[in-house]
Amino acid sequence: ITSISLLCKNGRKTDRIQKGIPEERETFRSISLENQRIENYVDMALYYARSENVYKDFMIQKADLQKIVEEVLEKNRLLLIRPGVRAEVACGDAVYTDRKWIAFILNQLLLNCVKYCGEEPVFLISTRKEKDGVCLTVEDNGTGIRAEELSRIFDKGFTGSNGRDHERATGMGLYLCRKLCDKLGIRIWAESEYGRGTKMFLFFPISHYISREQN
């Protein structure tokens, strides 16, 4: 995967491509896009394989949510550019968590936003301080989730009516998010209105992670 990515980057930098041959430039871009999709699926498989023993790979420390979100967006830059996504990030709060695992969870949430986005997609990622912790919200204006399906979106293998319209849906992304959140002590839930978008929430209980860090 890394080799393909480097080959595409180097290919786009060659004199022939730089001089403006749109077909070849688009070919490299398309390969890069599919390569990113492959990487995301491989990540999902690897995290699923390790999910039962995730506690062995914990490193709880203070994490800058703004920086993590920006890195996840940059990682998926090509996937966001293709549908014309406008992403707004306002995550001014830090939390105590495992940086690598929370990045994976956020990546899955953003991939779902992309998968089910509509015209003129807008993603809003923000945080707010609450009495006992920090709540992070990932909001989109996509297709939304039917009310009768909302309680099942974290079930293993569940794709719902939206997933049946997308051949790439696996029903594993949100299942893994819930499983890893449970391990990390994070609460995850969703609110949605069909046809008007979805909000995904992650609640980080500060007192829990501070005590873990101090120990």
N, C-alpha and C. Protein backbone atom coordinates (compact mmCIF):
# COMPACT_ATOMS: atom_id res chain seq x y z
N ILE A 1 0.84 -1.21 0.00
CA ILE A 1 0.00 0.00 0.00
C ILE A 1 0.87 1.26 0.00
N THR A 2 1.90 1.25 0.87
CA THR A 2 2.81 2.39 0.93
C THR A 2 3.56 2.57 -0.38
N SER A 3 3.98 1.46 -0.98
CA SER A 3 4.70 1.53 -2.25
C SER A 3 3.83 2.13 -3.35
N ILE A 4 2.57 1.70 -3.42
CA ILE A 4 1.66 2.25 -4.42
C ILE A 4 1.47 3.75 -4.22
N SER A 5 1.32 4.14 -2.95
CA SER A 5 1.15 5.55 -2.63
C SER A 5 2.35 6.38 -3.09
N LEU A 6 3.55 5.87 -2.82
CA LEU A 6 4.77 6.59 -3.22
C LEU A 6 4.92 6.64 -4.74
N LEU A 7 4.57 5.55 -5.40
CA LEU A 7 4.64 5.54 -6.86
C LEU A 7 3.69 6.57 -7.46
N CYS A 8 2.51 6.69 -6.90
CA CYS A 8 1.55 7.67 -7.41
C CYS A 8 2.04 9.10 -7.17
N LYS A 9 2.61 9.35 -5.99
CA LYS A 9 3.12 10.68 -5.69
C LYS A 9 4.28 11.03 -6.61
N ASN A 10 5.18 10.08 -6.80
CA ASN A 10 6.32 10.33 -7.69
C ASN A 10 5.86 10.48 -9.14
N GLY A 11 4.85 9.71 -9.53
CA GLY A 11 4.34 9.79 -10.89
C GLY A 11 3.75 11.15 -11.19
N ARG A 12 3.03 11.72 -10.21
CA ARG A 12 2.41 13.02 -10.42
C ARG A 12 3.45 14.13 -10.49
N LYS A 13 4.67 13.86 -10.03
CA LYS A 13 5.72 14.88 -10.02
C LYS A 13 6.58 14.84 -11.28
N THR A 14 6.39 13.86 -12.13
CA THR A 14 7.24 13.75 -13.32
C THR A 14 6.97 14.89 -14.29
N ASP A 15 7.96 15.18 -15.12
CA ASP A 15 7.84 16.29 -16.08
C ASP A 15 6.66 16.10 -17.01
N ARG A 16 6.44 14.86 -17.43
CA ARG A 16 5.37 14.59 -18.40
C ARG A 16 4.01 14.93 -17.79
N ILE A 17 3.81 14.55 -16.54
CA ILE A 17 2.52 14.84 -15.89
C ILE A 17 2.40 16.31 -15.58
N GLN A 18 3.51 16.92 -15.13
CA GLN A 18 3.48 18.34 -14.76
C GLN A 18 3.15 19.23 -15.96
N LYS A 19 3.51 18.77 -17.17
CA LYS A 19 3.24 19.57 -18.36
C LYS A 19 1.77 19.54 -18.78
N GLY A 20 0.99 18.73 -18.07
CA GLY A 20 -0.45 18.83 -18.26
C GLY A 20 -1.07 17.81 -19.17
N ILE A 21 -0.88 16.53 -18.90
CA ILE A 21 -1.58 15.48 -19.63
C ILE A 21 -2.70 15.00 -18.71
N PRO A 22 -3.90 15.52 -18.88
CA PRO A 22 -4.98 15.29 -17.90
C PRO A 22 -5.34 13.83 -17.71
N GLU A 23 -5.26 13.00 -18.76
CA GLU A 23 -5.63 11.60 -18.63
C GLU A 23 -4.71 10.88 -17.66
N GLU A 24 -3.40 11.11 -17.79
CA GLU A 24 -2.46 10.44 -16.90
C GLU A 24 -2.55 10.99 -15.49
N ARG A 25 -2.74 12.30 -15.38
CA ARG A 25 -2.87 12.90 -14.05
C ARG A 25 -4.09 12.32 -13.32
N GLU A 26 -5.20 12.16 -14.04
CA GLU A 26 -6.41 11.61 -13.45
C GLU A 26 -6.23 10.13 -13.12
N THR A 27 -5.45 9.42 -13.92
CA THR A 27 -5.19 8.01 -13.65
C THR A 27 -4.46 7.84 -12.32
N PHE A 28 -3.42 8.64 -12.10
CA PHE A 28 -2.68 8.57 -10.83
C PHE A 28 -3.59 8.93 -9.65
N ARG A 29 -4.45 9.92 -9.85
CA ARG A 29 -5.36 10.33 -8.79
C ARG A 29 -6.35 9.21 -8.46
N SER A 30 -6.85 8.54 -9.47
CA SER A 30 -7.80 7.45 -9.27
C SER A 30 -7.15 6.27 -8.55
N ILE A 31 -5.91 5.96 -8.94
CA ILE A 31 -5.18 4.87 -8.26
C ILE A 31 -4.95 5.23 -6.80
N SER A 32 -4.57 6.47 -6.53
CA SER A 32 -4.36 6.91 -5.16
C SER A 32 -5.63 6.81 -4.34
N LEU A 33 -6.75 7.16 -4.95
CA LEU A 33 -8.04 7.11 -4.27
C LEU A 33 -8.40 5.68 -3.89
N GLU A 34 -8.26 4.76 -4.83
CA GLU A 34 -8.57 3.36 -4.54
C GLU A 34 -7.59 2.77 -3.54
N ASN A 35 -6.34 3.20 -3.61
CA ASN A 35 -5.34 2.73 -2.67
C ASN A 35 -5.69 3.17 -1.24
N GLN A 36 -6.22 4.39 -1.10
CA GLN A 36 -6.64 4.86 0.21
C GLN A 36 -7.80 4.04 0.75
N ARG A 37 -8.73 3.68 -0.13
CA ARG A 37 -9.85 2.84 0.28
C ARG A 37 -9.34 1.47 0.77
N ILE A 38 -8.38 0.91 0.04
CA ILE A 38 -7.80 -0.38 0.44
C ILE A 38 -7.15 -0.26 1.81
N GLU A 39 -6.40 0.83 2.01
CA GLU A 39 -5.73 1.03 3.30
C GLU A 39 -6.74 1.11 4.44
N ASN A 40 -7.85 1.79 4.21
CA ASN A 40 -8.87 1.90 5.25
C ASN A 40 -9.47 0.54 5.59
N TYR A 41 -9.70 -0.30 4.57
CA TYR A 41 -10.25 -1.63 4.83
C TYR A 41 -9.23 -2.52 5.54
N VAL A 42 -7.96 -2.40 5.18
CA VAL A 42 -6.92 -3.17 5.86
C VAL A 42 -6.82 -2.74 7.32
N ASP A 43 -6.88 -1.43 7.57
CA ASP A 43 -6.87 -0.93 8.94
C ASP A 43 -8.02 -1.54 9.75
N MET A 44 -9.20 -1.59 9.13
CA MET A 44 -10.36 -2.14 9.81
C MET A 44 -10.13 -3.61 10.18
N ALA A 45 -9.58 -4.36 9.24
CA ALA A 45 -9.31 -5.78 9.50
C ALA A 45 -8.29 -5.96 10.62
N LEU A 46 -7.24 -5.14 10.61
CA LEU A 46 -6.21 -5.25 11.64
C LEU A 46 -6.73 -4.86 13.02
N TYR A 47 -7.51 -3.78 13.08
CA TYR A 47 -8.07 -3.36 14.36
C TYR A 47 -9.08 -4.39 14.87
N TYR A 48 -9.83 -5.00 13.98
CA TYR A 48 -10.77 -6.03 14.39
C TYR A 48 -10.02 -7.22 14.98
N ALA A 49 -8.91 -7.60 14.34
CA ALA A 49 -8.12 -8.73 14.82
C ALA A 49 -7.54 -8.48 16.20
N ARG A 50 -7.25 -7.21 16.51
CA ARG A 50 -6.65 -6.87 17.80
C ARG A 50 -7.66 -6.41 18.85
N SER A 51 -8.92 -6.29 18.47
CA SER A 51 -9.90 -5.65 19.36
C SER A 51 -10.11 -6.39 20.67
N GLU A 52 -9.95 -7.72 20.68
CA GLU A 52 -10.15 -8.47 21.91
C GLU A 52 -9.04 -8.21 22.92
N ASN A 53 -7.85 -7.90 22.43
CA ASN A 53 -6.71 -7.67 23.32
C ASN A 53 -6.22 -6.23 23.24
N VAL A 54 -7.17 -5.31 23.01
CA VAL A 54 -6.80 -3.92 22.82
C VAL A 54 -6.10 -3.33 24.03
N TYR A 55 -6.44 -3.85 25.23
CA TYR A 55 -5.84 -3.31 26.45
C TYR A 55 -4.32 -3.47 26.47
N LYS A 56 -3.79 -4.41 25.71
CA LYS A 56 -2.34 -4.62 25.66
C LYS A 56 -1.63 -3.52 24.87
N ASP A 57 -2.39 -2.76 24.10
CA ASP A 57 -1.80 -1.74 23.24
C ASP A 57 -2.19 -0.33 23.66
N PHE A 58 -2.71 -0.17 24.88
CA PHE A 58 -3.12 1.14 25.35
C PHE A 58 -1.93 2.04 25.68
N MET A 59 -2.06 3.32 25.36
CA MET A 59 -1.13 4.33 25.83
C MET A 59 -1.96 5.57 26.12
N ILE A 60 -2.48 5.65 27.32
CA ILE A 60 -3.35 6.77 27.69
C ILE A 60 -2.51 8.00 27.99
N GLN A 61 -2.78 9.07 27.27
CA GLN A 61 -2.06 10.32 27.47
C GLN A 61 -2.92 11.48 27.00
N LYS A 62 -2.48 12.69 27.29
CA LYS A 62 -3.25 13.85 26.87
C LYS A 62 -3.19 13.97 25.35
N ALA A 63 -4.37 14.12 24.74
CA ALA A 63 -4.45 14.13 23.29
C ALA A 63 -5.16 15.39 22.80
N ASP A 64 -4.59 16.04 21.81
CA ASP A 64 -5.16 17.24 21.19
C ASP A 64 -6.14 16.80 20.11
N LEU A 65 -7.44 16.92 20.37
CA LEU A 65 -8.44 16.45 19.42
C LEU A 65 -8.41 17.21 18.10
N GLN A 66 -8.11 18.50 18.15
CA GLN A 66 -8.03 19.29 16.93
C GLN A 66 -6.97 18.71 15.99
N LYS A 67 -5.83 18.40 16.53
CA LYS A 67 -4.73 17.88 15.72
C LYS A 67 -5.07 16.49 15.17
N ILE A 68 -5.69 15.66 15.99
CA ILE A 68 -6.04 14.31 15.54
C ILE A 68 -7.05 14.37 14.40
N VAL A 69 -8.08 15.21 14.55
CA VAL A 69 -9.09 15.34 13.50
C VAL A 69 -8.46 15.85 12.22
N GLU A 70 -7.58 16.84 12.31
CA GLU A 70 -6.93 17.38 11.12
C GLU A 70 -6.09 16.32 10.42
N GLU A 71 -5.42 15.47 11.18
CA GLU A 71 -4.61 14.41 10.59
C GLU A 71 -5.49 13.38 9.88
N VAL A 72 -6.64 13.06 10.47
CA VAL A 72 -7.56 12.11 9.85
C VAL A 72 -8.11 12.69 8.55
N LEU A 73 -8.45 13.97 8.56
CA LEU A 73 -8.94 14.62 7.35
C LEU A 73 -7.88 14.63 6.25
N GLU A 74 -6.64 14.91 6.63
CA GLU A 74 -5.55 14.93 5.65
C GLU A 74 -5.31 13.54 5.08
N LYS A 75 -5.41 12.53 5.91
CA LYS A 75 -5.22 11.15 5.45
C LYS A 75 -6.23 10.80 4.36
N ASN A 76 -7.45 11.30 4.52
CA ASN A 76 -8.52 10.99 3.57
C ASN A 76 -8.80 12.14 2.60
N ARG A 77 -7.79 12.94 2.34
CA ARG A 77 -7.95 14.15 1.52
C ARG A 77 -8.59 13.84 0.17
N LEU A 78 -8.10 12.81 -0.53
CA LEU A 78 -8.63 12.49 -1.85
C LEU A 78 -10.09 12.03 -1.78
N LEU A 79 -10.42 11.27 -0.73
CA LEU A 79 -11.80 10.81 -0.57
C LEU A 79 -12.75 11.98 -0.31
N LEU A 80 -12.24 13.03 0.34
CA LEU A 80 -13.07 14.20 0.64
C LEU A 80 -13.18 15.13 -0.56
N ILE A 81 -12.11 15.22 -1.35
CA ILE A 81 -12.11 16.12 -2.50
C ILE A 81 -13.08 15.65 -3.57
N ARG A 82 -13.14 14.35 -3.82
CA ARG A 82 -13.96 13.82 -4.91
C ARG A 82 -15.43 14.25 -4.83
N PRO A 83 -16.11 14.14 -3.65
CA PRO A 83 -17.49 14.61 -3.59
C PRO A 83 -17.63 16.09 -3.24
N GLY A 84 -16.49 16.80 -3.08
CA GLY A 84 -16.54 18.23 -2.77
C GLY A 84 -16.92 18.54 -1.34
N VAL A 85 -16.39 17.77 -0.40
CA VAL A 85 -16.73 17.95 1.02
C VAL A 85 -16.12 19.24 1.57
N ARG A 86 -16.92 19.97 2.32
CA ARG A 86 -16.42 21.11 3.09
C ARG A 86 -16.42 20.72 4.56
N ALA A 87 -15.25 20.66 5.15
CA ALA A 87 -15.11 20.24 6.54
C ALA A 87 -14.75 21.42 7.43
N GLU A 88 -15.47 21.57 8.52
CA GLU A 88 -15.21 22.62 9.50
C GLU A 88 -14.87 21.96 10.83
N VAL A 89 -13.73 22.36 11.40
CA VAL A 89 -13.25 21.73 12.62
C VAL A 89 -13.08 22.77 13.71
N ALA A 90 -13.66 22.52 14.87
CA ALA A 90 -13.52 23.41 16.03
C ALA A 90 -13.43 22.55 17.28
N CYS A 91 -12.27 21.92 17.45
CA CYS A 91 -12.06 21.01 18.57
C CYS A 91 -10.98 21.58 19.49
N GLY A 92 -11.35 22.54 20.29
CA GLY A 92 -10.36 23.23 21.12
C GLY A 92 -10.05 22.55 22.43
N ASP A 93 -10.57 21.34 22.64
CA ASP A 93 -10.38 20.67 23.93
C ASP A 93 -9.45 19.47 23.81
N ALA A 94 -8.72 19.22 24.88
CA ALA A 94 -7.86 18.04 24.95
C ALA A 94 -8.49 17.03 25.90
N VAL A 95 -8.21 15.76 25.65
CA VAL A 95 -8.75 14.70 26.50
C VAL A 95 -7.64 13.71 26.80
N TYR A 96 -7.91 12.82 27.75
CA TYR A 96 -6.98 11.74 28.05
C TYR A 96 -7.51 10.47 27.40
N THR A 97 -6.78 9.98 26.42
CA THR A 97 -7.21 8.78 25.70
C THR A 97 -6.01 8.19 24.97
N ASP A 98 -6.24 7.12 24.25
CA ASP A 98 -5.20 6.56 23.40
C ASP A 98 -5.30 7.20 22.02
N ARG A 99 -4.28 7.91 21.64
CA ARG A 99 -4.32 8.72 20.42
C ARG A 99 -4.54 7.87 19.17
N LYS A 100 -3.88 6.74 19.08
CA LYS A 100 -3.97 5.90 17.88
C LYS A 100 -5.36 5.31 17.72
N TRP A 101 -5.92 4.84 18.80
CA TRP A 101 -7.22 4.19 18.73
C TRP A 101 -8.33 5.21 18.47
N ILE A 102 -8.23 6.39 19.07
CA ILE A 102 -9.27 7.40 18.83
C ILE A 102 -9.19 7.91 17.40
N ALA A 103 -7.98 7.94 16.83
CA ALA A 103 -7.84 8.33 15.42
C ALA A 103 -8.54 7.31 14.53
N PHE A 104 -8.43 6.03 14.86
CA PHE A 104 -9.13 5.01 14.08
C PHE A 104 -10.64 5.18 14.17
N ILE A 105 -11.15 5.45 15.37
CA ILE A 105 -12.59 5.64 15.55
C ILE A 105 -13.08 6.83 14.75
N LEU A 106 -12.37 7.95 14.84
CA LEU A 106 -12.76 9.14 14.08
C LEU A 106 -12.68 8.89 12.58
N ASN A 107 -11.69 8.12 12.17
CA ASN A 107 -11.56 7.79 10.75
C ASN A 107 -12.79 7.04 10.26
N GLN A 108 -13.26 6.09 11.04
CA GLN A 108 -14.45 5.32 10.65
C GLN A 108 -15.68 6.21 10.58
N LEU A 109 -15.82 7.13 11.53
CA LEU A 109 -16.98 8.03 11.51
C LEU A 109 -16.96 8.93 10.28
N LEU A 110 -15.78 9.44 9.93
CA LEU A 110 -15.67 10.30 8.76
C LEU A 110 -15.89 9.53 7.46
N LEU A 111 -15.43 8.29 7.41
CA LEU A 111 -15.66 7.48 6.21
C LEU A 111 -17.15 7.23 6.00
N ASN A 112 -17.88 7.04 7.10
CA ASN A 112 -19.33 6.89 6.98
C ASN A 112 -19.97 8.17 6.45
N CYS A 113 -19.47 9.32 6.92
CA CYS A 113 -19.99 10.60 6.42
C CYS A 113 -19.79 10.70 4.91
N VAL A 114 -18.61 10.29 4.44
CA VAL A 114 -18.32 10.35 3.01
C VAL A 114 -19.20 9.36 2.24
N LYS A 115 -19.34 8.17 2.79
CA LYS A 115 -20.07 7.10 2.10
C LYS A 115 -21.53 7.49 1.86
N TYR A 116 -22.12 8.20 2.83
CA TYR A 116 -23.54 8.51 2.74
C TYR A 116 -23.81 10.01 2.58
N CYS A 117 -22.87 10.72 1.99
CA CYS A 117 -23.05 12.16 1.81
C CYS A 117 -23.95 12.44 0.61
N GLY A 118 -24.56 13.62 0.61
CA GLY A 118 -25.40 14.02 -0.50
C GLY A 118 -24.73 15.12 -1.30
N GLU A 119 -25.52 15.96 -1.92
CA GLU A 119 -24.98 17.08 -2.67
C GLU A 119 -24.50 18.18 -1.70
N GLU A 120 -23.42 18.86 -2.08
CA GLU A 120 -22.83 19.92 -1.27
C GLU A 120 -22.62 19.46 0.18
N PRO A 121 -21.85 18.39 0.37
CA PRO A 121 -21.66 17.84 1.71
C PRO A 121 -20.85 18.76 2.63
N VAL A 122 -21.31 18.87 3.85
CA VAL A 122 -20.63 19.66 4.88
C VAL A 122 -20.47 18.79 6.12
N PHE A 123 -19.23 18.70 6.62
CA PHE A 123 -18.96 17.97 7.85
C PHE A 123 -18.54 18.96 8.93
N LEU A 124 -19.16 18.87 10.08
CA LEU A 124 -18.84 19.74 11.21
C LEU A 124 -18.32 18.86 12.35
N ILE A 125 -17.08 19.09 12.76
CA ILE A 125 -16.49 18.33 13.86
C ILE A 125 -16.13 19.33 14.96
N SER A 126 -16.72 19.16 16.13
CA SER A 126 -16.53 20.14 17.19
C SER A 126 -16.53 19.45 18.56
N THR A 127 -16.05 20.18 19.56
CA THR A 127 -16.09 19.69 20.93
C THR A 127 -16.73 20.73 21.83
N ARG A 128 -17.24 20.26 22.94
CA ARG A 128 -17.75 21.17 23.98
C ARG A 128 -17.46 20.54 25.34
N LYS A 129 -17.11 21.40 26.29
CA LYS A 129 -16.86 20.93 27.64
C LYS A 129 -18.18 20.77 28.38
N GLU A 130 -18.29 19.68 29.11
CA GLU A 130 -19.43 19.45 29.97
C GLU A 130 -18.95 19.24 31.39
N LYS A 131 -19.87 19.07 32.29
CA LYS A 131 -19.52 19.00 33.70
C LYS A 131 -18.52 17.89 34.01
N ASP A 132 -18.72 16.72 33.42
CA ASP A 132 -17.89 15.57 33.76
C ASP A 132 -16.99 15.11 32.62
N GLY A 133 -16.85 15.94 31.60
CA GLY A 133 -16.00 15.50 30.50
C GLY A 133 -16.11 16.39 29.28
N VAL A 134 -15.70 15.83 28.16
CA VAL A 134 -15.71 16.54 26.88
C VAL A 134 -16.51 15.71 25.88
N CYS A 135 -17.38 16.39 25.14
CA CYS A 135 -18.18 15.71 24.12
C CYS A 135 -17.73 16.17 22.74
N LEU A 136 -17.37 15.22 21.89
CA LEU A 136 -16.99 15.50 20.51
C LEU A 136 -18.15 15.10 19.60
N THR A 137 -18.49 15.99 18.66
CA THR A 137 -19.59 15.74 17.73
C THR A 137 -19.09 15.73 16.30
N VAL A 138 -19.48 14.71 15.55
CA VAL A 138 -19.21 14.64 14.11
C VAL A 138 -20.57 14.71 13.42
N GLU A 139 -20.81 15.80 12.72
CA GLU A 139 -22.13 16.05 12.12
C GLU A 139 -22.01 16.16 10.60
N ASP A 140 -22.96 15.56 9.90
CA ASP A 140 -23.00 15.68 8.44
C ASP A 140 -24.41 16.02 7.98
N ASN A 141 -24.52 16.40 6.73
CA ASN A 141 -25.83 16.73 6.14
C ASN A 141 -26.19 15.71 5.07
N GLY A 142 -25.84 14.46 5.32
CA GLY A 142 -26.05 13.40 4.34
C GLY A 142 -27.44 12.79 4.38
N THR A 143 -27.51 11.50 4.02
CA THR A 143 -28.80 10.84 3.86
C THR A 143 -29.51 10.58 5.18
N GLY A 144 -28.75 10.52 6.27
CA GLY A 144 -29.37 10.25 7.55
C GLY A 144 -29.70 8.77 7.73
N ILE A 145 -30.27 8.44 8.91
CA ILE A 145 -30.58 7.05 9.26
C ILE A 145 -32.06 6.96 9.61
N ARG A 146 -32.72 5.94 9.12
CA ARG A 146 -34.13 5.76 9.43
C ARG A 146 -34.32 5.53 10.94
N ALA A 147 -35.39 6.08 11.49
CA ALA A 147 -35.64 6.00 12.93
C ALA A 147 -35.67 4.56 13.43
N GLU A 148 -36.26 3.66 12.65
CA GLU A 148 -36.39 2.27 13.08
C GLU A 148 -35.07 1.51 13.01
N GLU A 149 -34.06 2.10 12.37
CA GLU A 149 -32.75 1.44 12.26
C GLU A 149 -31.70 2.03 13.19
N LEU A 150 -31.98 3.15 13.78
CA LEU A 150 -30.97 3.89 14.55
C LEU A 150 -30.41 3.07 15.71
N SER A 151 -31.25 2.29 16.37
CA SER A 151 -30.80 1.51 17.53
C SER A 151 -29.92 0.33 17.15
N ARG A 152 -29.83 0.01 15.85
CA ARG A 152 -29.09 -1.18 15.42
C ARG A 152 -27.78 -0.85 14.70
N ILE A 153 -27.46 0.42 14.53
CA ILE A 153 -26.32 0.77 13.68
C ILE A 153 -24.97 0.29 14.23
N PHE A 154 -24.91 -0.01 15.56
CA PHE A 154 -23.66 -0.49 16.14
C PHE A 154 -23.59 -2.01 16.21
N ASP A 155 -24.62 -2.69 15.67
CA ASP A 155 -24.62 -4.15 15.67
C ASP A 155 -23.66 -4.67 14.61
N LYS A 156 -23.02 -5.76 14.92
CA LYS A 156 -22.05 -6.36 14.00
C LYS A 156 -22.74 -6.80 12.72
N GLY A 157 -22.24 -6.32 11.57
CA GLY A 157 -22.75 -6.72 10.27
C GLY A 157 -23.99 -5.98 9.81
N PHE A 158 -24.52 -5.08 10.63
CA PHE A 158 -25.74 -4.37 10.23
C PHE A 158 -25.40 -3.24 9.26
N THR A 159 -26.04 -3.23 8.10
CA THR A 159 -25.80 -2.17 7.12
C THR A 159 -27.03 -1.29 6.90
N GLY A 160 -28.22 -1.79 7.19
CA GLY A 160 -29.42 -0.99 7.04
C GLY A 160 -29.78 -0.72 5.59
N SER A 161 -30.83 0.05 5.40
CA SER A 161 -31.30 0.35 4.05
C SER A 161 -30.28 1.18 3.28
N ASN A 162 -29.56 2.08 3.96
CA ASN A 162 -28.52 2.86 3.28
C ASN A 162 -27.39 1.96 2.80
N GLY A 163 -26.99 1.03 3.65
CA GLY A 163 -25.88 0.14 3.30
C GLY A 163 -26.19 -0.75 2.12
N ARG A 164 -27.45 -1.11 1.95
CA ARG A 164 -27.82 -1.97 0.82
C ARG A 164 -27.66 -1.25 -0.51
N ASP A 165 -27.67 0.07 -0.45
CA ASP A 165 -27.49 0.85 -1.68
C ASP A 165 -26.02 1.13 -1.96
N HIS A 166 -25.12 0.72 -1.04
CA HIS A 166 -23.68 0.96 -1.21
C HIS A 166 -22.97 -0.38 -1.11
N GLU A 167 -22.40 -0.84 -2.22
CA GLU A 167 -21.77 -2.15 -2.23
C GLU A 167 -20.54 -2.22 -1.33
N ARG A 168 -19.98 -1.07 -0.95
CA ARG A 168 -18.80 -1.07 -0.10
C ARG A 168 -19.15 -1.18 1.39
N ALA A 169 -20.40 -1.12 1.76
CA ALA A 169 -20.80 -1.18 3.16
C ALA A 169 -20.52 -2.58 3.71
N THR A 170 -19.89 -2.64 4.88
CA THR A 170 -19.55 -3.93 5.51
C THR A 170 -20.31 -4.17 6.80
N GLY A 171 -20.84 -3.11 7.41
CA GLY A 171 -21.50 -3.28 8.69
C GLY A 171 -20.54 -3.51 9.84
N MET A 172 -19.25 -3.22 9.63
CA MET A 172 -18.23 -3.46 10.66
C MET A 172 -17.68 -2.17 11.27
N GLY A 173 -17.75 -1.05 10.53
CA GLY A 173 -17.12 0.18 11.01
C GLY A 173 -17.67 0.67 12.34
N LEU A 174 -18.99 0.86 12.43
CA LEU A 174 -19.58 1.36 13.67
C LEU A 174 -19.55 0.30 14.77
N TYR A 175 -19.63 -0.97 14.39
CA TYR A 175 -19.49 -2.04 15.38
C TYR A 175 -18.14 -1.95 16.07
N LEU A 176 -17.07 -1.76 15.28
CA LEU A 176 -15.74 -1.63 15.85
C LEU A 176 -15.61 -0.37 16.70
N CYS A 177 -16.23 0.73 16.24
CA CYS A 177 -16.20 1.97 17.01
C CYS A 177 -16.80 1.76 18.40
N ARG A 178 -17.96 1.11 18.47
CA ARG A 178 -18.60 0.86 19.75
C ARG A 178 -17.73 -0.06 20.62
N LYS A 179 -17.18 -1.08 20.01
CA LYS A 179 -16.36 -2.03 20.77
C LYS A 179 -15.13 -1.36 21.36
N LEU A 180 -14.45 -0.55 20.55
CA LEU A 180 -13.24 0.13 21.03
C LEU A 180 -13.59 1.22 22.04
N CYS A 181 -14.70 1.92 21.83
CA CYS A 181 -15.13 2.93 22.80
C CYS A 181 -15.41 2.30 24.16
N ASP A 182 -16.04 1.13 24.16
CA ASP A 182 -16.29 0.44 25.42
C ASP A 182 -14.98 0.12 26.13
N LYS A 183 -13.97 -0.29 25.37
CA LYS A 183 -12.66 -0.61 25.96
C LYS A 183 -11.98 0.64 26.51
N LEU A 184 -12.18 1.77 25.82
CA LEU A 184 -11.53 3.02 26.21
C LEU A 184 -12.31 3.80 27.26
N GLY A 185 -13.51 3.35 27.59
CA GLY A 185 -14.33 4.07 28.56
C GLY A 185 -15.00 5.30 27.97
N ILE A 186 -15.21 5.30 26.64
CA ILE A 186 -15.85 6.42 25.95
C ILE A 186 -17.29 6.03 25.60
N ARG A 187 -18.20 6.94 25.79
CA ARG A 187 -19.59 6.69 25.40
C ARG A 187 -19.80 7.17 23.96
N ILE A 188 -20.43 6.34 23.15
CA ILE A 188 -20.71 6.71 21.76
C ILE A 188 -22.19 6.50 21.47
N TRP A 189 -22.79 7.46 20.79
CA TRP A 189 -24.20 7.33 20.40
C TRP A 189 -24.46 8.21 19.18
N ALA A 190 -25.65 8.06 18.61
CA ALA A 190 -25.98 8.79 17.39
C ALA A 190 -27.37 9.40 17.47
N GLU A 191 -27.52 10.52 16.76
CA GLU A 191 -28.83 11.13 16.54
C GLU A 191 -28.94 11.39 15.05
N SER A 192 -30.11 11.15 14.48
CA SER A 192 -30.24 11.32 13.04
C SER A 192 -31.68 11.58 12.65
N GLU A 193 -31.82 12.32 11.56
CA GLU A 193 -33.12 12.54 10.94
C GLU A 193 -32.98 12.14 9.48
N TYR A 194 -33.76 11.15 9.09
CA TYR A 194 -33.60 10.60 7.74
C TYR A 194 -33.80 11.69 6.69
N GLY A 195 -32.84 11.78 5.79
CA GLY A 195 -32.87 12.77 4.73
C GLY A 195 -32.26 14.11 5.11
N ARG A 196 -31.87 14.27 6.38
CA ARG A 196 -31.34 15.57 6.82
C ARG A 196 -29.97 15.49 7.51
N GLY A 197 -29.43 14.29 7.68
CA GLY A 197 -28.09 14.18 8.24
C GLY A 197 -28.04 13.43 9.56
N THR A 198 -26.81 13.27 10.04
CA THR A 198 -26.55 12.47 11.24
C THR A 198 -25.54 13.17 12.13
N LYS A 199 -25.70 12.99 13.44
CA LYS A 199 -24.71 13.45 14.41
C LYS A 199 -24.22 12.24 15.20
N MET A 200 -22.91 12.08 15.23
CA MET A 200 -22.29 11.04 16.06
C MET A 200 -21.58 11.72 17.23
N PHE A 201 -21.76 11.17 18.42
CA PHE A 201 -21.21 11.77 19.63
C PHE A 201 -20.23 10.83 20.31
N LEU A 202 -19.12 11.40 20.76
CA LEU A 202 -18.15 10.68 21.60
C LEU A 202 -17.99 11.47 22.89
N PHE A 203 -18.28 10.82 24.03
CA PHE A 203 -18.14 11.51 25.31
C PHE A 203 -16.95 10.94 26.07
N PHE A 204 -15.99 11.82 26.38
CA PHE A 204 -14.77 11.45 27.09
C PHE A 204 -14.90 11.88 28.55
N PRO A 205 -15.06 10.94 29.47
CA PRO A 205 -15.16 11.31 30.90
C PRO A 205 -13.78 11.68 31.45
N ILE A 206 -13.57 12.94 31.69
CA ILE A 206 -12.24 13.44 32.05
C ILE A 206 -11.70 12.79 33.32
N SER A 207 -12.53 12.69 34.34
CA SER A 207 -12.04 12.17 35.61
C SER A 207 -11.49 10.75 35.46
N HIS A 208 -12.12 9.94 34.62
CA HIS A 208 -11.69 8.58 34.40
C HIS A 208 -10.28 8.54 33.81
N TYR A 209 -10.02 9.35 32.80
CA TYR A 209 -8.72 9.31 32.13
C TYR A 209 -7.62 9.99 32.93
N ILE A 210 -7.98 11.01 33.71
CA ILE A 210 -6.98 11.63 34.56
C ILE A 210 -6.48 10.62 35.58
N SER A 211 -7.38 9.88 36.16
CA SER A 211 -6.98 8.87 37.16
C SER A 211 -6.12 7.80 36.53
N ARG A 212 -6.47 7.39 35.30
CA ARG A 212 -5.66 6.40 34.59
C ARG A 212 -4.26 6.94 34.31
N GLU A 213 -4.16 8.19 33.90
CA GLU A 213 -2.87 8.80 33.59
C GLU A 213 -2.00 8.92 34.83
N GLN A 214 -2.59 9.29 35.93
CA GLN A 214 -1.83 9.46 37.17
C GLN A 214 -1.33 8.15 37.73
N ASN A 215 -2.07 7.07 37.45
CA ASN A 215 -1.64 5.75 37.93
C ASN A 215 -0.60 5.13 37.01
